[in-house]
């Protein structure tokens, strides 16, 4: 360094070092973001299942149905809560924004007006990423309790 400031060579050297550090860090940051997206999709599906149960209890309807939508084979991109009697959509979660898909056993779910699953269903809901290898699993007890 001279008396007036940094030389052009010194500034270029620092910029080159910063460029290398950014290039090394980018893949890690990308995978962290995708992992966070999978967690968000998992939380959205869990919240939607809890909301469907709450809607069944508070409305006193004989059934509130949770179904999968946007399916290609066994993988679906949306979870939809419907009024069991009128088939009207009450709430939904689109998992495309999280690069995730959902698959499930024992679907559609039917909650009665007590918040219990009809006919003793014990479904397992699997939320998986379409970009990274990772899955998160939710189970719903016959009493309607959602757990991870």
C-alpha atoms as a PDB file:
ATOM      1  CA  UNK A   1       0.000   0.000   0.000  1.00  0.00           C
ATOM      2  CA  UNK A   2       1.321   3.431  -0.885  1.00  0.00           C
ATOM      3  CA  UNK A   3       0.524   6.665   0.915  1.00  0.00           C
ATOM      4  CA  UNK A   4      -2.549   7.466  -1.174  1.00  0.00           C
ATOM      5  CA  UNK A   5      -4.510   4.139  -0.876  1.00  0.00           C
ATOM      6  CA  UNK A   6      -4.618   0.679  -2.368  1.00  0.00           C
ATOM      7  CA  UNK A   7      -3.163  -0.148  -5.758  1.00  0.00           C
ATOM      8  CA  UNK A   8      -5.262  -1.613  -8.535  1.00  0.00           C
ATOM      9  CA  UNK A   9      -3.428  -4.949  -8.231  1.00  0.00           C
ATOM     10  CA  UNK A  10      -4.270  -5.175  -4.511  1.00  0.00           C
ATOM     11  CA  UNK A  11      -7.962  -4.459  -5.168  1.00  0.00           C
ATOM     12  CA  UNK A  12      -8.108  -7.033  -7.977  1.00  0.00           C
ATOM     13  CA  UNK A  13      -6.457  -9.612  -5.714  1.00  0.00           C
ATOM     14  CA  UNK A  14      -9.066  -9.077  -2.993  1.00  0.00           C
ATOM     15  CA  UNK A  15     -11.901  -9.279  -5.548  1.00  0.00           C
ATOM     16  CA  UNK A  16     -10.483 -12.541  -6.934  1.00  0.00           C
ATOM     17  CA  UNK A  17     -10.318 -14.074  -3.453  1.00  0.00           C
ATOM     18  CA  UNK A  18     -13.910 -12.992  -2.736  1.00  0.00           C
ATOM     19  CA  UNK A  19     -15.037 -14.462  -6.063  1.00  0.00           C
ATOM     20  CA  UNK A  20     -13.488 -17.832  -5.213  1.00  0.00           C
ATOM     21  CA  UNK A  21     -15.128 -17.834  -1.768  1.00  0.00           C
ATOM     22  CA  UNK A  22     -18.545 -17.052  -3.255  1.00  0.00           C
ATOM     23  CA  UNK A  23     -18.143 -19.804  -5.854  1.00  0.00           C
ATOM     24  CA  UNK A  24     -17.325 -22.308  -3.097  1.00  0.00           C
ATOM     25  CA  UNK A  25     -20.267 -21.237  -0.886  1.00  0.00           C
ATOM     26  CA  UNK A  26     -23.037 -21.127  -3.534  1.00  0.00           C
ATOM     27  CA  UNK A  27     -23.797 -24.885  -3.796  1.00  0.00           C
ATOM     28  CA  UNK A  28     -24.057 -25.171  -0.015  1.00  0.00           C
ATOM     29  CA  UNK A  29     -26.428 -22.220   0.194  1.00  0.00           C
ATOM     30  CA  UNK A  30     -28.582 -23.681  -2.588  1.00  0.00           C
ATOM     31  CA  UNK A  31     -28.976 -27.043  -0.836  1.00  0.00           C
ATOM     32  CA  UNK A  32     -29.767 -25.288   2.457  1.00  0.00           C
ATOM     33  CA  UNK A  33     -32.526 -23.332   0.701  1.00  0.00           C
ATOM     34  CA  UNK A  34     -33.999 -26.509  -0.812  1.00  0.00           C
ATOM     35  CA  UNK A  35     -33.908 -28.242   2.574  1.00  0.00           C
ATOM     36  CA  UNK A  36     -35.758 -25.300   4.086  1.00  0.00           C
ATOM     37  CA  UNK A  37     -38.347 -25.532   1.292  1.00  0.00           C
ATOM     38  CA  UNK A  38     -38.961 -29.199   2.160  1.00  0.00           C
ATOM     39  CA  UNK A  39     -39.452 -28.263   5.816  1.00  0.00           C
ATOM     40  CA  UNK A  40     -41.896 -25.536   4.789  1.00  0.00           C
ATOM     41  CA  UNK A  41     -43.896 -27.968   2.645  1.00  0.00           C
ATOM     42  CA  UNK A  42     -44.003 -30.412   5.566  1.00  0.00           C
ATOM     43  CA  UNK A  43     -45.250 -27.674   7.906  1.00  0.00           C
ATOM     44  CA  UNK A  44     -47.900 -26.547   5.386  1.00  0.00           C
ATOM     45  CA  UNK A  45     -49.293 -30.070   4.995  1.00  0.00           C
ATOM     46  CA  UNK A  46     -49.292 -30.587   8.771  1.00  0.00           C
ATOM     47  CA  UNK A  47     -51.065 -27.264   9.326  1.00  0.00           C
ATOM     48  CA  UNK A  48     -53.621 -28.076   6.629  1.00  0.00           C
ATOM     49  CA  UNK A  49     -54.426 -31.448   8.215  1.00  0.00           C
ATOM     50  CA  UNK A  50     -54.843 -29.763  11.598  1.00  0.00           C
ATOM     51  CA  UNK A  51     -56.991 -27.064  10.015  1.00  0.00           C
ATOM     52  CA  UNK A  52     -59.240 -29.672   8.391  1.00  0.00           C
ATOM     53  CA  UNK A  53     -59.729 -31.351  11.762  1.00  0.00           C
ATOM     54  CA  UNK A  54     -60.475 -27.986  13.385  1.00  0.00           C
ATOM     55  CA  UNK A  55     -63.003 -27.142  10.632  1.00  0.00           C
ATOM     56  CA  UNK A  56     -64.801 -30.439  11.198  1.00  0.00           C
ATOM     57  CA  UNK A  57     -65.033 -29.829  14.947  1.00  0.00           C
ATOM     58  CA  UNK A  58     -66.097 -26.168  14.821  1.00  0.00           C
ATOM     59  CA  UNK A  59     -68.572 -26.493  11.971  1.00  0.00           C
ATOM     60  CA  UNK A  60     -70.266 -29.605  13.316  1.00  0.00           C
ATOM     61  CA  UNK A  61     -70.395 -31.001   9.780  1.00  0.00           C
ATOM     62  CA  UNK A  62     -70.663 -34.762   9.511  1.00  0.00           C
ATOM     63  CA  UNK A  63     -67.445 -34.880   7.498  1.00  0.00           C
ATOM     64  CA  UNK A  64     -64.611 -32.751   6.240  1.00  0.00           C
ATOM     65  CA  UNK A  65     -62.509 -34.444   3.568  1.00  0.00           C
ATOM     66  CA  UNK A  66     -58.798 -34.017   2.899  1.00  0.00           C
ATOM     67  CA  UNK A  67     -57.833 -35.140  -0.596  1.00  0.00           C
ATOM     68  CA  UNK A  68     -54.786 -35.023  -2.848  1.00  0.00           C
ATOM     69  CA  UNK A  69     -54.858 -33.091  -6.104  1.00  0.00           C
ATOM     70  CA  UNK A  70     -52.606 -32.512  -9.108  1.00  0.00           C
ATOM     71  CA  UNK A  71     -51.608 -36.164  -9.136  1.00  0.00           C
ATOM     72  CA  UNK A  72     -49.351 -37.880 -11.648  1.00  0.00           C
ATOM     73  CA  UNK A  73     -49.340 -41.519 -10.632  1.00  0.00           C
ATOM     74  CA  UNK A  74     -48.862 -41.728  -6.870  1.00  0.00           C
ATOM     75  CA  UNK A  75     -47.208 -38.298  -6.499  1.00  0.00           C
ATOM     76  CA  UNK A  76     -49.375 -35.231  -5.985  1.00  0.00           C
ATOM     77  CA  UNK A  77     -48.605 -31.520  -5.825  1.00  0.00           C
ATOM     78  CA  UNK A  78     -51.539 -30.269  -3.744  1.00  0.00           C
ATOM     79  CA  UNK A  79     -53.558 -31.090  -0.641  1.00  0.00           C
ATOM     80  CA  UNK A  80     -57.185 -29.918  -0.621  1.00  0.00           C
ATOM     81  CA  UNK A  81     -59.712 -29.644   2.236  1.00  0.00           C
ATOM     82  CA  UNK A  82     -63.327 -30.036   1.095  1.00  0.00           C
ATOM     83  CA  UNK A  83     -66.745 -29.956   2.701  1.00  0.00           C
ATOM     84  CA  UNK A  84     -67.711 -33.633   2.621  1.00  0.00           C
ATOM     85  CA  UNK A  85     -71.353 -32.907   1.852  1.00  0.00           C
ATOM     86  CA  UNK A  86     -71.047 -30.277  -0.898  1.00  0.00           C
ATOM     87  CA  UNK A  87     -67.513 -30.982  -2.176  1.00  0.00           C
ATOM     88  CA  UNK A  88     -66.753 -27.246  -1.814  1.00  0.00           C
ATOM     89  CA  UNK A  89     -63.025 -26.469  -1.415  1.00  0.00           C
ATOM     90  CA  UNK A  90     -62.403 -24.909   2.006  1.00  0.00           C
ATOM     91  CA  UNK A  91     -58.585 -24.709   2.002  1.00  0.00           C
ATOM     92  CA  UNK A  92     -55.629 -25.967  -0.015  1.00  0.00           C
ATOM     93  CA  UNK A  93     -51.839 -26.082  -0.091  1.00  0.00           C
ATOM     94  CA  UNK A  94     -49.891 -26.055  -3.350  1.00  0.00           C
ATOM     95  CA  UNK A  95     -46.506 -27.729  -2.960  1.00  0.00           C
ATOM     96  CA  UNK A  96     -45.062 -26.690  -6.349  1.00  0.00           C
ATOM     97  CA  UNK A  97     -43.622 -23.545  -4.780  1.00  0.00           C
ATOM     98  CA  UNK A  98     -41.552 -25.726  -2.435  1.00  0.00           C
ATOM     99  CA  UNK A  99     -40.356 -28.149  -5.139  1.00  0.00           C
ATOM    100  CA  UNK A 100     -42.182 -30.892  -3.232  1.00  0.00           C
ATOM    101  CA  UNK A 101     -44.670 -33.680  -3.818  1.00  0.00           C
ATOM    102  CA  UNK A 102     -46.908 -35.571  -1.449  1.00  0.00           C
ATOM    103  CA  UNK A 103     -48.036 -39.167  -1.421  1.00  0.00           C
ATOM    104  CA  UNK A 104     -50.233 -40.899   1.125  1.00  0.00           C
ATOM    105  CA  UNK A 105     -51.880 -44.086   2.247  1.00  0.00           C
ATOM    106  CA  UNK A 106     -55.560 -44.281   3.253  1.00  0.00           C
ATOM    107  CA  UNK A 107     -56.660 -41.164   1.365  1.00  0.00           C
ATOM    108  CA  UNK A 108     -58.982 -39.293   1.200  1.00  0.00           C
ATOM    109  CA  UNK A 109     -59.227 -38.577   4.912  1.00  0.00           C
ATOM    110  CA  UNK A 110     -62.660 -38.017   6.385  1.00  0.00           C
ATOM    111  CA  UNK A 111     -62.894 -36.187   9.715  1.00  0.00           C
ATOM    112  CA  UNK A 112     -66.182 -36.452  11.597  1.00  0.00           C
ATOM    113  CA  UNK A 113     -67.680 -33.633  13.686  1.00  0.00           C
ATOM    114  CA  UNK A 114     -65.587 -34.764  16.709  1.00  0.00           C
ATOM    115  CA  UNK A 115     -62.332 -34.429  14.741  1.00  0.00           C
ATOM    116  CA  UNK A 116     -61.817 -38.192  14.575  1.00  0.00           C
ATOM    117  CA  UNK A 117     -60.935 -40.007  11.394  1.00  0.00           C
ATOM    118  CA  UNK A 118     -63.828 -41.959   9.987  1.00  0.00           C
ATOM    119  CA  UNK A 119     -63.596 -45.762   9.897  1.00  0.00           C
ATOM    120  CA  UNK A 120     -60.386 -45.967  11.934  1.00  0.00           C
ATOM    121  CA  UNK A 121     -58.034 -44.756   9.207  1.00  0.00           C
ATOM    122  CA  UNK A 122     -54.332 -44.419  10.139  1.00  0.00           C
ATOM    123  CA  UNK A 123     -52.808 -42.690   7.136  1.00  0.00           C
ATOM    124  CA  UNK A 124     -49.179 -41.880   6.521  1.00  0.00           C
ATOM    125  CA  UNK A 125     -48.417 -38.766   4.478  1.00  0.00           C
ATOM    126  CA  UNK A 126     -44.990 -38.524   2.840  1.00  0.00           C
ATOM    127  CA  UNK A 127     -43.725 -35.127   1.694  1.00  0.00           C
ATOM    128  CA  UNK A 128     -40.674 -35.393  -0.553  1.00  0.00           C
ATOM    129  CA  UNK A 129     -38.519 -32.926  -2.427  1.00  0.00           C
ATOM    130  CA  UNK A 130     -38.320 -33.008  -6.211  1.00  0.00           C
ATOM    131  CA  UNK A 131     -34.919 -31.261  -6.224  1.00  0.00           C
ATOM    132  CA  UNK A 132     -32.907 -32.913  -3.419  1.00  0.00           C
ATOM    133  CA  UNK A 133     -33.098 -36.317  -1.808  1.00  0.00           C
ATOM    134  CA  UNK A 134     -35.176 -35.875   1.301  1.00  0.00           C
ATOM    135  CA  UNK A 135     -38.514 -36.917   2.740  1.00  0.00           C
ATOM    136  CA  UNK A 136     -40.579 -35.974   5.768  1.00  0.00           C
ATOM    137  CA  UNK A 137     -43.362 -38.206   7.075  1.00  0.00           C
ATOM    138  CA  UNK A 138     -46.590 -37.278   8.867  1.00  0.00           C
ATOM    139  CA  UNK A 139     -48.979 -39.721  10.506  1.00  0.00           C
ATOM    140  CA  UNK A 140     -52.565 -39.092  11.524  1.00  0.00           C
ATOM    141  CA  UNK A 141     -53.957 -41.151  14.401  1.00  0.00           C
ATOM    142  CA  UNK A 142     -57.561 -42.452  14.368  1.00  0.00           C
ATOM    143  CA  UNK A 143     -58.309 -39.687  16.884  1.00  0.00           C
ATOM    144  CA  UNK A 144     -57.183 -37.109  14.308  1.00  0.00           C
ATOM    145  CA  UNK A 145     -53.889 -36.119  15.927  1.00  0.00           C
ATOM    146  CA  UNK A 146     -51.208 -35.164  13.376  1.00  0.00           C
ATOM    147  CA  UNK A 147     -47.630 -36.054  14.283  1.00  0.00           C
ATOM    148  CA  UNK A 148     -44.270 -35.937  12.523  1.00  0.00           C
END
